[in-house]
């Protein structure tokens, strides 16, 4: 399975491809999407994976709090 993607420039401007099979690059890409992605970009993420990685993504406090609250609310609804 091919794990290399060509991400949109508004998310990743420093590389032409990202290898999502590499755990470091995958975590970095998810962080970039949460920081710079549009709604359509965020929809491509696996929210269970985002939740599992959230503590390690080193997001700015306001984004961390937003995602933490959203993911907790998601579980309360489901």
N, C-alpha and C. Protein backbone atom coordinates (compact mmCIF):
# COMPACT_ATOMS: atom_id res chain seq x y z
N UNK A 1 0.85 -1.19 0.00
CA UNK A 1 0.00 0.00 0.00
C UNK A 1 0.89 1.25 0.00
N UNK A 2 0.60 2.17 -0.88
CA UNK A 2 1.35 3.42 -0.97
C UNK A 2 0.96 4.33 0.19
N UNK A 3 1.95 4.82 0.89
CA UNK A 3 1.67 5.67 2.04
C UNK A 3 2.14 7.10 1.83
N UNK A 4 2.68 7.39 0.66
CA UNK A 4 3.13 8.76 0.37
C UNK A 4 1.98 9.57 -0.20
N UNK A 5 1.85 10.79 0.30
CA UNK A 5 0.83 11.70 -0.22
C UNK A 5 1.49 13.01 -0.63
N UNK A 6 0.82 13.74 -1.47
CA UNK A 6 1.23 15.10 -1.84
C UNK A 6 0.24 16.04 -1.19
N UNK A 7 0.58 16.56 -0.02
CA UNK A 7 -0.38 17.38 0.73
C UNK A 7 -0.58 18.75 0.09
N UNK A 8 -1.73 19.35 0.36
CA UNK A 8 -1.98 20.71 -0.13
C UNK A 8 -0.95 21.69 0.45
N UNK A 9 -0.60 22.69 -0.31
CA UNK A 9 0.41 23.67 0.11
C UNK A 9 -0.01 24.49 1.32
N UNK A 10 -1.31 24.66 1.56
CA UNK A 10 -1.71 25.43 2.74
C UNK A 10 -1.49 24.63 4.04
N UNK A 11 -1.23 23.33 3.90
CA UNK A 11 -0.94 22.50 5.07
C UNK A 11 0.56 22.27 5.21
N UNK A 12 1.18 21.85 4.13
CA UNK A 12 2.62 21.56 4.14
C UNK A 12 3.26 22.31 2.98
N UNK A 13 4.12 23.25 3.30
CA UNK A 13 4.78 24.02 2.26
C UNK A 13 6.26 23.70 2.17
N UNK A 14 6.76 22.86 3.08
CA UNK A 14 8.19 22.58 3.13
C UNK A 14 8.58 21.27 2.46
N UNK A 15 7.61 20.50 1.98
CA UNK A 15 7.91 19.22 1.34
C UNK A 15 6.85 18.93 0.28
N UNK A 16 7.25 18.21 -0.75
CA UNK A 16 6.30 17.84 -1.80
C UNK A 16 5.50 16.60 -1.45
N UNK A 17 6.10 15.72 -0.63
CA UNK A 17 5.41 14.50 -0.23
C UNK A 17 5.60 14.26 1.26
N UNK A 18 4.67 13.51 1.83
CA UNK A 18 4.74 13.08 3.22
C UNK A 18 4.48 11.58 3.22
N UNK A 19 5.31 10.84 3.95
CA UNK A 19 5.15 9.40 4.05
C UNK A 19 4.33 9.09 5.31
N UNK A 20 3.06 8.81 5.12
CA UNK A 20 2.19 8.54 6.26
C UNK A 20 2.45 7.19 6.90
N UNK A 21 3.30 6.39 6.27
CA UNK A 21 3.71 5.12 6.86
C UNK A 21 4.79 5.29 7.92
N UNK A 22 5.44 6.44 7.93
CA UNK A 22 6.46 6.76 8.93
C UNK A 22 5.75 7.42 10.11
N UNK A 23 5.80 6.81 11.30
CA UNK A 23 5.07 7.37 12.45
C UNK A 23 5.39 8.82 12.76
N UNK A 24 6.66 9.22 12.63
CA UNK A 24 7.03 10.61 12.89
C UNK A 24 6.36 11.55 11.89
N UNK A 25 6.45 11.21 10.61
CA UNK A 25 5.85 12.07 9.57
C UNK A 25 4.33 12.09 9.70
N UNK A 26 3.74 10.96 10.05
CA UNK A 26 2.28 10.89 10.20
C UNK A 26 1.81 11.82 11.32
N UNK A 27 2.48 11.74 12.46
CA UNK A 27 2.13 12.60 13.61
C UNK A 27 2.32 14.07 13.25
N UNK A 28 3.44 14.38 12.57
CA UNK A 28 3.71 15.75 12.13
C UNK A 28 2.64 16.24 11.17
N UNK A 29 2.23 15.39 10.23
CA UNK A 29 1.21 15.77 9.25
C UNK A 29 -0.14 16.03 9.94
N UNK A 30 -0.50 15.18 10.87
CA UNK A 30 -1.76 15.38 11.60
C UNK A 30 -1.73 16.71 12.34
N UNK A 31 -0.60 17.03 12.95
CA UNK A 31 -0.45 18.32 13.63
C UNK A 31 -0.61 19.47 12.64
N UNK A 32 0.01 19.35 11.48
CA UNK A 32 -0.09 20.39 10.46
C UNK A 32 -1.54 20.58 10.02
N UNK A 33 -2.27 19.49 9.86
CA UNK A 33 -3.68 19.59 9.45
C UNK A 33 -4.48 20.30 10.54
N UNK A 34 -4.24 19.94 11.80
CA UNK A 34 -4.98 20.59 12.88
C UNK A 34 -4.63 22.07 13.00
N UNK A 35 -3.41 22.43 12.68
CA UNK A 35 -2.98 23.83 12.75
C UNK A 35 -3.41 24.65 11.54
N UNK A 36 -3.31 24.08 10.34
CA UNK A 36 -3.46 24.86 9.11
C UNK A 36 -4.55 24.36 8.16
N UNK A 37 -5.15 23.23 8.49
CA UNK A 37 -6.11 22.63 7.58
C UNK A 37 -7.46 23.33 7.55
N UNK A 38 -8.12 23.13 6.46
CA UNK A 38 -9.50 23.60 6.29
C UNK A 38 -10.44 22.47 6.71
N UNK A 39 -11.72 22.75 6.75
CA UNK A 39 -12.69 21.73 7.17
C UNK A 39 -12.56 20.46 6.33
N UNK A 40 -12.38 20.62 5.03
CA UNK A 40 -12.28 19.44 4.17
C UNK A 40 -11.01 18.63 4.46
N UNK A 41 -9.96 19.28 4.94
CA UNK A 41 -8.74 18.57 5.30
C UNK A 41 -8.93 17.82 6.61
N UNK A 42 -9.55 18.47 7.56
CA UNK A 42 -9.78 17.85 8.87
C UNK A 42 -10.69 16.64 8.73
N UNK A 43 -11.65 16.69 7.81
CA UNK A 43 -12.55 15.55 7.58
C UNK A 43 -11.81 14.30 7.13
N UNK A 44 -10.62 14.45 6.58
CA UNK A 44 -9.86 13.28 6.11
C UNK A 44 -9.15 12.56 7.26
N UNK A 45 -9.07 13.18 8.43
CA UNK A 45 -8.37 12.57 9.55
C UNK A 45 -9.24 11.54 10.26
N UNK A 46 -8.59 10.55 10.83
CA UNK A 46 -9.24 9.56 11.68
C UNK A 46 -9.29 10.16 13.08
N UNK A 47 -10.47 10.51 13.55
CA UNK A 47 -10.59 11.19 14.84
C UNK A 47 -10.16 10.32 16.01
N UNK A 48 -10.27 9.01 15.88
CA UNK A 48 -9.76 8.13 16.93
C UNK A 48 -8.24 8.24 17.01
N UNK A 49 -7.59 8.36 15.85
CA UNK A 49 -6.14 8.54 15.83
C UNK A 49 -5.76 9.91 16.39
N UNK A 50 -6.51 10.94 16.04
CA UNK A 50 -6.25 12.27 16.60
C UNK A 50 -6.35 12.22 18.12
N UNK A 51 -7.37 11.57 18.61
CA UNK A 51 -7.55 11.46 20.06
C UNK A 51 -6.38 10.72 20.71
N UNK A 52 -5.92 9.65 20.08
CA UNK A 52 -4.82 8.87 20.64
C UNK A 52 -3.51 9.68 20.65
N UNK A 53 -3.34 10.57 19.68
CA UNK A 53 -2.11 11.34 19.56
C UNK A 53 -2.17 12.72 20.21
N UNK A 54 -3.33 13.17 20.60
CA UNK A 54 -3.54 14.55 21.02
C UNK A 54 -2.51 15.04 22.04
N UNK A 55 -2.20 14.24 23.04
CA UNK A 55 -1.25 14.66 24.08
C UNK A 55 0.16 14.86 23.53
N UNK A 56 0.49 14.21 22.42
CA UNK A 56 1.85 14.26 21.86
C UNK A 56 2.00 15.25 20.71
N UNK A 57 0.95 15.95 20.34
CA UNK A 57 1.00 16.82 19.16
C UNK A 57 1.54 18.22 19.46
N UNK A 58 1.68 18.57 20.71
CA UNK A 58 2.22 19.88 21.10
C UNK A 58 1.49 21.03 20.40
N UNK A 59 0.17 20.97 20.47
CA UNK A 59 -0.65 22.03 19.88
C UNK A 59 -0.63 23.26 20.78
N UNK A 60 -0.85 24.44 20.22
CA UNK A 60 -1.02 25.63 21.07
C UNK A 60 -2.18 25.38 22.05
N UNK A 61 -2.09 25.96 23.24
CA UNK A 61 -3.10 25.68 24.27
C UNK A 61 -4.55 25.85 23.82
N UNK A 62 -4.85 26.89 23.04
CA UNK A 62 -6.24 27.11 22.62
C UNK A 62 -6.71 26.01 21.68
N UNK A 63 -5.85 25.52 20.79
CA UNK A 63 -6.25 24.44 19.88
C UNK A 63 -6.34 23.11 20.63
N UNK A 64 -5.41 22.88 21.53
CA UNK A 64 -5.47 21.66 22.34
C UNK A 64 -6.79 21.60 23.10
N UNK A 65 -7.15 22.70 23.76
CA UNK A 65 -8.39 22.74 24.54
C UNK A 65 -9.61 22.53 23.66
N UNK A 66 -9.61 23.13 22.48
CA UNK A 66 -10.72 22.96 21.55
C UNK A 66 -10.88 21.50 21.15
N UNK A 67 -9.77 20.86 20.75
CA UNK A 67 -9.84 19.46 20.33
C UNK A 67 -10.17 18.53 21.49
N UNK A 68 -9.62 18.79 22.65
CA UNK A 68 -9.91 17.97 23.83
C UNK A 68 -11.41 18.02 24.13
N UNK A 69 -11.97 19.22 24.14
CA UNK A 69 -13.40 19.38 24.41
C UNK A 69 -14.24 18.70 23.33
N UNK A 70 -13.88 18.89 22.07
CA UNK A 70 -14.63 18.29 20.97
C UNK A 70 -14.61 16.77 21.06
N UNK A 71 -13.45 16.20 21.31
CA UNK A 71 -13.34 14.74 21.36
C UNK A 71 -14.09 14.17 22.57
N UNK A 72 -14.06 14.86 23.69
CA UNK A 72 -14.83 14.42 24.86
C UNK A 72 -16.33 14.50 24.57
N UNK A 73 -16.75 15.57 23.95
CA UNK A 73 -18.17 15.75 23.59
C UNK A 73 -18.62 14.68 22.61
N UNK A 74 -17.74 14.35 21.68
CA UNK A 74 -18.03 13.29 20.69
C UNK A 74 -18.35 11.97 21.37
N UNK A 75 -17.58 11.64 22.42
CA UNK A 75 -17.83 10.39 23.14
C UNK A 75 -19.12 10.46 23.96
N UNK A 76 -19.42 11.62 24.49
CA UNK A 76 -20.64 11.78 25.29
C UNK A 76 -21.88 11.61 24.41
N UNK A 77 -21.76 12.01 23.15
CA UNK A 77 -22.91 11.91 22.22
C UNK A 77 -23.09 10.50 21.67
N UNK A 78 -22.00 9.73 21.61
CA UNK A 78 -22.08 8.45 20.93
C UNK A 78 -22.11 7.31 21.82
